[in-house]
Amino acid sequence: MIILTWNVQWCMGVDKRVDPARIVAEARRLADFDVLCLQEIGDNYPHPRLYRSGGEDQFAVVASLLPGFTAVPGVATDHPAEDGGRRRFGNMILSRLPVRQVYRHLLPSPVDPGVNGMPRMAVEAVVAAPFGDLRVVTTHLEWYSYRQRAAQVEALRGIYAEGHGHARLGSIVDESGGPFHTYARPAATVVCGDFNLEYDNALHARMLEPFADGTPPLANAWDLVHAGLPYPATFKVHEKWVPGDPELHCDFFFVSAELVPRVRGVHSDRETQASDHQPVILELA
């Protein structure tokens, strides 16, 4: 099973061309993925509100380019537009494996006076992997506010632990097919996306810390197959905001204990310039 995560910068490449079809083509070139996790997908944000964007509904366009995949949009920002419609921005999961329950988690944004920011969320899809059901959670954490980013890391830990608790202790109590229908939560979990923090940051270490309730800790999948090797740069590789900008390392896969023996490979493609971030690919067996 292959999962690809990628912050696609509203489908704008280093060449400043906005092209959702190029994103899908590049992703397909890089991996025969079963699940595609995208961050920074826009809808109805024409230039200059989103640089170089034509205002297309990228959630719909990307879904149309992957027939046979279930598209799960995760809208974090939802604004009114002058045309009477809505402007939406967020994340997206696309799965060619059957999708069970879907969850959308709004992440906290505690007030940080004078600091720019926008709403953030995590979208979760339970997919039927070849080895059993699997929770796939993708997110994009705050860039500007460390305080908000720290709160969002805590929330992600809580989301993971809550679902794992249901897997350990929950039971099916309703099979009516109605809104109270109970779907079992699997323990196996992947949390991925753009965390806007460095590999050696304290918040990265926090993602790996134990839980007081006995929930098994998460692991960075990279460390399971590349122990001791530097984490690859995933941002500002081909595009610098100012000359001399350092490369950043902020797009990760975290996996639960159940998946640790299943991790066969993790790598980041360094060549593509279809976005300002580099995609990261996880292989499970």
Protein backbone atom coordinates (compact mmCIF):
# COMPACT_ATOMS: atom_id res chain seq x y z
CA MET A 1 0.00 0.00 0.00
CA ILE A 2 1.33 3.44 -0.96
CA ILE A 3 0.31 6.80 0.52
CA LEU A 4 1.56 10.08 -0.94
CA THR A 5 1.32 13.38 0.95
CA TRP A 6 1.95 16.73 -0.71
CA ASN A 7 1.41 20.40 0.03
CA VAL A 8 0.56 21.53 -3.51
CA GLN A 9 0.36 25.33 -2.94
CA TRP A 10 -3.09 25.61 -4.60
CA CYS A 11 -1.57 23.66 -7.52
CA MET A 12 0.94 26.42 -8.34
CA GLY A 13 4.40 25.35 -9.42
CA VAL A 14 7.73 27.07 -9.07
CA ASP A 15 7.08 28.44 -12.57
CA LYS A 16 3.98 30.25 -11.14
CA ARG A 17 1.63 28.21 -13.33
CA VAL A 18 -1.51 26.97 -11.58
CA ASP A 19 -2.34 23.53 -12.97
CA PRO A 20 -4.25 20.87 -11.00
CA ALA A 21 -3.78 18.39 -13.86
CA ARG A 22 -0.01 18.73 -13.53
CA ILE A 23 -0.23 17.93 -9.82
CA VAL A 24 -2.16 14.72 -10.50
CA ALA A 25 0.15 13.75 -13.35
CA GLU A 26 3.26 14.33 -11.23
CA ALA A 27 1.81 12.35 -8.32
CA ARG A 28 1.03 9.47 -10.66
CA ARG A 29 4.52 9.65 -12.14
CA LEU A 30 6.08 9.43 -8.70
CA ALA A 31 4.04 6.57 -7.29
CA ASP A 32 1.20 4.18 -8.01
CA PHE A 33 -0.51 5.53 -4.91
CA ASP A 34 -3.52 4.01 -3.18
CA VAL A 35 -4.17 7.14 -1.11
CA LEU A 36 -3.28 10.71 -2.03
CA CYS A 37 -3.22 13.36 0.72
CA LEU A 38 -3.11 16.96 -0.47
CA GLN A 39 -2.79 20.21 1.43
CA GLU A 40 -3.59 23.74 0.18
CA ILE A 41 -6.49 23.05 -2.17
CA GLY A 42 -8.52 26.14 -3.14
CA ASP A 43 -11.97 26.92 -4.50
CA ASN A 44 -13.24 30.27 -5.82
CA TYR A 45 -10.09 32.24 -4.98
CA PRO A 46 -9.29 34.05 -8.23
CA HIS A 47 -6.14 36.15 -8.57
CA PRO A 48 -5.13 38.27 -6.68
CA ARG A 49 -6.88 36.63 -3.70
CA LEU A 50 -4.84 33.52 -4.43
CA TYR A 51 -1.79 34.29 -6.54
CA ARG A 52 -2.19 33.29 -10.19
CA SER A 53 -5.29 31.18 -9.42
CA GLY A 54 -8.16 31.21 -11.88
CA GLY A 55 -10.64 30.61 -9.09
CA GLU A 56 -11.40 27.05 -10.17
CA ASP A 57 -12.88 24.56 -7.70
CA GLN A 58 -9.74 22.49 -7.22
CA PHE A 59 -11.51 20.00 -4.94
CA ALA A 60 -13.78 19.11 -7.89
CA VAL A 61 -11.07 19.31 -10.56
CA VAL A 62 -8.66 17.01 -8.75
CA ALA A 63 -11.47 14.54 -8.00
CA SER A 64 -12.45 14.48 -11.69
CA LEU A 65 -8.87 13.66 -12.66
CA LEU A 66 -8.82 10.55 -10.47
CA PRO A 67 -11.82 8.45 -11.53
CA GLY A 68 -12.24 5.41 -9.35
CA PHE A 69 -10.97 7.31 -6.29
CA THR A 70 -13.20 8.46 -3.45
CA ALA A 71 -12.60 12.16 -2.84
CA VAL A 72 -12.79 13.42 0.75
CA PRO A 73 -12.51 17.23 0.97
CA GLY A 74 -11.54 18.87 4.24
CA VAL A 75 -12.42 22.57 4.22
CA ALA A 76 -10.72 24.69 6.87
CA THR A 77 -11.34 28.20 5.51
CA ASP A 78 -14.88 29.02 4.32
CA HIS A 79 -15.45 32.66 3.32
CA PRO A 80 -18.22 34.55 1.48
CA ALA A 81 -17.42 35.62 -2.08
CA GLU A 82 -18.65 38.64 -4.01
CA ASP A 83 -20.48 36.37 -6.47
CA GLY A 84 -22.72 35.06 -3.68
CA GLY A 85 -20.84 31.78 -3.44
CA ARG A 86 -18.23 30.61 -0.99
CA ARG A 87 -14.45 30.60 -1.00
CA ARG A 88 -12.94 27.41 0.42
CA PHE A 89 -9.41 26.36 1.26
CA GLY A 90 -8.13 23.22 2.94
CA ASN A 91 -6.98 19.63 2.55
CA MET A 92 -8.10 16.60 0.61
CA ILE A 93 -7.80 12.81 0.71
CA LEU A 94 -8.36 10.67 -2.38
CA SER A 95 -8.49 6.89 -2.01
CA ARG A 96 -8.91 4.10 -4.52
CA LEU A 97 -9.39 1.78 -1.55
CA PRO A 98 -12.90 1.62 -0.08
CA VAL A 99 -13.55 4.45 2.38
CA ARG A 100 -15.43 3.71 5.60
CA GLN A 101 -16.17 6.50 8.08
CA VAL A 102 -14.90 10.04 7.43
CA TYR A 103 -14.13 12.56 10.19
CA ARG A 104 -13.34 16.26 9.92
CA HIS A 105 -11.56 17.82 12.90
CA LEU A 106 -11.31 21.59 13.34
CA LEU A 107 -7.98 22.36 15.01
CA PRO A 108 -7.65 24.99 17.75
CA SER A 109 -6.48 28.52 17.04
CA PRO A 110 -5.97 30.23 20.42
CA VAL A 111 -5.76 33.99 20.10
CA ASP A 112 -2.27 35.27 19.36
CA PRO A 113 -2.66 39.07 19.16
CA GLY A 114 -1.19 40.70 16.08
CA VAL A 115 -0.13 37.42 14.45
CA ASN A 116 -1.53 36.45 11.07
CA GLY A 117 -3.14 33.06 10.56
CA MET A 118 -6.10 31.12 9.21
CA PRO A 119 -8.33 28.24 10.37
CA ARG A 120 -6.74 24.81 10.29
CA MET A 121 -8.22 21.32 10.28
CA ALA A 122 -7.41 17.64 9.93
CA VAL A 123 -9.40 15.39 7.64
CA GLU A 124 -9.55 11.67 8.45
CA ALA A 125 -10.68 8.79 6.27
CA VAL A 126 -10.84 5.18 7.42
CA VAL A 127 -9.78 3.14 4.39
CA ALA A 128 -9.91 -0.59 3.77
CA ALA A 129 -6.24 -1.43 3.34
CA PRO A 130 -5.14 -4.91 2.16
CA PHE A 131 -4.09 -5.73 5.74
CA GLY A 132 -7.18 -4.27 7.44
CA ASP A 133 -8.84 -0.94 8.07
CA LEU A 134 -6.54 2.04 8.51
CA ARG A 135 -7.08 5.60 9.70
CA VAL A 136 -5.46 8.15 7.39
CA VAL A 137 -5.33 11.66 8.85
CA THR A 138 -3.89 14.57 6.89
CA THR A 139 -3.38 18.13 8.07
CA HIS A 140 -1.63 21.46 7.54
CA LEU A 141 -0.61 23.30 10.70
CA GLU A 142 -0.27 27.04 11.29
CA TRP A 143 2.75 28.78 9.76
CA TYR A 144 2.87 32.14 11.56
CA SER A 145 1.83 31.44 15.16
CA TYR A 146 3.92 29.07 17.28
CA ARG A 147 1.27 29.23 19.98
CA GLN A 148 -1.41 28.02 17.59
CA ARG A 149 0.87 25.41 16.05
CA ALA A 150 1.64 24.01 19.51
CA ALA A 151 -2.08 23.82 20.33
CA GLN A 152 -2.69 22.04 17.03
CA VAL A 153 -0.01 19.45 17.79
CA GLU A 154 -1.77 18.74 21.09
CA ALA A 155 -5.08 18.44 19.25
CA LEU A 156 -3.61 15.99 16.74
CA ARG A 157 -2.29 13.86 19.59
CA GLY A 158 -5.77 13.95 21.10
CA ILE A 159 -7.43 12.99 17.81
CA TYR A 160 -5.08 10.03 17.43
CA ALA A 161 -5.50 8.90 21.05
CA GLU A 162 -9.29 9.26 20.98
CA GLY A 163 -9.61 7.08 17.90
CA HIS A 164 -7.18 4.54 19.31
CA GLY A 165 -9.25 4.41 22.49
CA HIS A 166 -12.35 3.60 20.45
CA ALA A 167 -10.39 0.84 18.71
CA ARG A 168 -9.28 -0.65 22.04
CA LEU A 169 -12.41 -0.18 24.10
CA GLY A 170 -15.30 0.67 21.81
CA SER A 171 -18.08 -1.61 20.63
CA ILE A 172 -20.70 -1.63 17.91
CA VAL A 173 -23.98 -0.59 19.52
CA ASP A 174 -26.03 0.51 16.48
CA GLU A 175 -26.29 -1.12 13.06
CA SER A 176 -29.42 0.70 11.87
CA GLY A 177 -27.82 2.38 8.87
CA GLY A 178 -28.95 5.74 10.24
CA PRO A 179 -26.82 8.59 11.59
CA PHE A 180 -26.24 6.71 14.86
CA HIS A 181 -24.80 3.71 13.00
CA THR A 182 -21.59 2.64 14.75
CA TYR A 183 -18.49 1.92 12.69
CA ALA A 184 -15.57 0.24 14.40
CA ARG A 185 -12.46 2.42 14.65
CA PRO A 186 -9.20 0.73 13.66
CA ALA A 187 -6.10 1.18 15.80
CA ALA A 188 -3.72 1.40 12.84
CA THR A 189 -3.20 5.10 12.08
CA VAL A 190 -1.21 7.33 9.75
CA VAL A 191 -0.96 11.07 10.47
CA CYS A 192 0.64 13.04 7.66
CA GLY A 193 0.90 16.43 6.04
CA ASP A 194 2.66 19.77 6.36
CA PHE A 195 3.37 20.41 10.04
CA ASN A 196 5.26 23.68 9.52
CA LEU A 197 7.91 22.64 12.03
CA GLU A 198 11.38 21.22 11.70
CA TYR A 199 12.43 17.64 12.40
CA ASP A 200 14.56 18.81 15.35
CA ASN A 201 11.82 21.06 16.78
CA ALA A 202 10.36 20.42 20.23
CA LEU A 203 6.90 20.04 18.70
CA HIS A 204 8.16 17.20 16.51
CA ALA A 205 9.45 15.51 19.64
CA ARG A 206 6.07 16.15 21.28
CA MET A 207 4.31 14.22 18.50
CA LEU A 208 6.37 11.17 19.51
CA GLU A 209 5.87 11.35 23.28
CA PRO A 210 4.02 8.63 25.24
CA PHE A 211 0.41 9.00 26.35
CA ALA A 212 -0.77 8.83 29.93
CA ASP A 213 -3.75 6.60 29.06
CA GLY A 214 -1.67 3.82 27.55
CA THR A 215 -2.17 4.79 23.92
CA PRO A 216 0.97 3.61 22.11
CA PRO A 217 3.14 6.52 20.92
CA LEU A 218 3.48 7.55 17.32
CA ALA A 219 6.71 7.10 15.37
CA ASN A 220 8.12 9.14 12.49
CA ALA A 221 8.09 6.62 9.65
CA TRP A 222 11.38 8.01 8.30
CA ASP A 223 13.24 6.89 11.43
CA LEU A 224 12.03 3.32 11.02
CA VAL A 225 13.84 2.83 7.70
CA HIS A 226 16.48 5.58 7.72
CA ALA A 227 17.61 5.64 11.35
CA GLY A 228 20.39 8.16 11.90
CA LEU A 229 20.12 9.74 8.46
CA PRO A 230 19.21 13.43 8.06
CA TYR A 231 15.58 14.12 7.30
CA PRO A 232 15.20 15.31 3.68
CA ALA A 233 14.22 18.88 2.85
CA THR A 234 10.61 19.19 1.69
CA PHE A 235 10.16 22.98 1.41
CA LYS A 236 12.13 25.84 -0.19
CA VAL A 237 14.16 23.36 -2.19
CA HIS A 238 13.61 24.97 -5.60
CA GLU A 239 11.96 28.23 -4.62
CA LYS A 240 13.37 30.73 -2.12
CA TRP A 241 11.33 33.54 -0.58
CA VAL A 242 14.53 35.57 -0.24
CA PRO A 243 18.04 34.76 -1.53
CA GLY A 244 19.84 32.36 0.78
CA ASP A 245 16.65 31.01 2.38
CA PRO A 246 17.49 27.66 4.01
CA GLU A 247 15.73 24.48 2.96
CA LEU A 248 13.07 23.35 5.43
CA HIS A 249 12.00 19.88 6.56
CA CYS A 250 8.35 20.01 7.60
CA ASP A 251 6.30 17.35 5.77
CA PHE A 252 6.04 14.09 7.72
CA PHE A 253 4.43 10.70 8.12
CA PHE A 254 3.74 9.58 11.68
CA VAL A 255 2.54 6.00 12.20
CA SER A 256 1.00 4.12 15.11
CA ALA A 257 2.66 1.10 16.74
CA GLU A 258 0.48 -1.30 14.75
CA LEU A 259 2.07 -0.04 11.52
CA VAL A 260 5.71 0.04 12.65
CA PRO A 261 6.47 -3.48 11.32
CA ARG A 262 4.63 -2.67 8.09
CA VAL A 263 6.71 0.35 7.07
CA ARG A 264 8.77 -0.70 4.05
CA GLY A 265 9.87 2.63 2.65
CA VAL A 266 9.70 6.40 3.04
CA HIS A 267 11.17 8.88 0.61
CA SER A 268 10.75 12.42 -0.61
CA ASP A 269 11.02 13.32 -4.27
CA ARG A 270 13.50 16.17 -4.62
CA GLU A 271 13.09 16.84 -8.34
CA THR A 272 9.51 17.90 -8.99
CA GLN A 273 8.81 21.63 -9.18
CA ALA A 274 5.03 21.39 -9.55
CA SER A 275 4.69 22.96 -6.06
CA ASP A 276 6.91 24.81 -3.62
CA HIS A 277 6.90 21.67 -1.44
CA GLN A 278 8.25 18.23 -2.25
CA PRO A 279 5.97 15.17 -1.95
CA VAL A 280 6.67 12.44 0.60
CA ILE A 281 5.76 8.81 -0.11
CA LEU A 282 5.11 6.03 2.41
CA GLU A 283 5.02 2.34 1.55
CA LEU A 284 3.29 -0.15 3.86
CA ALA A 285 3.18 -3.93 3.50
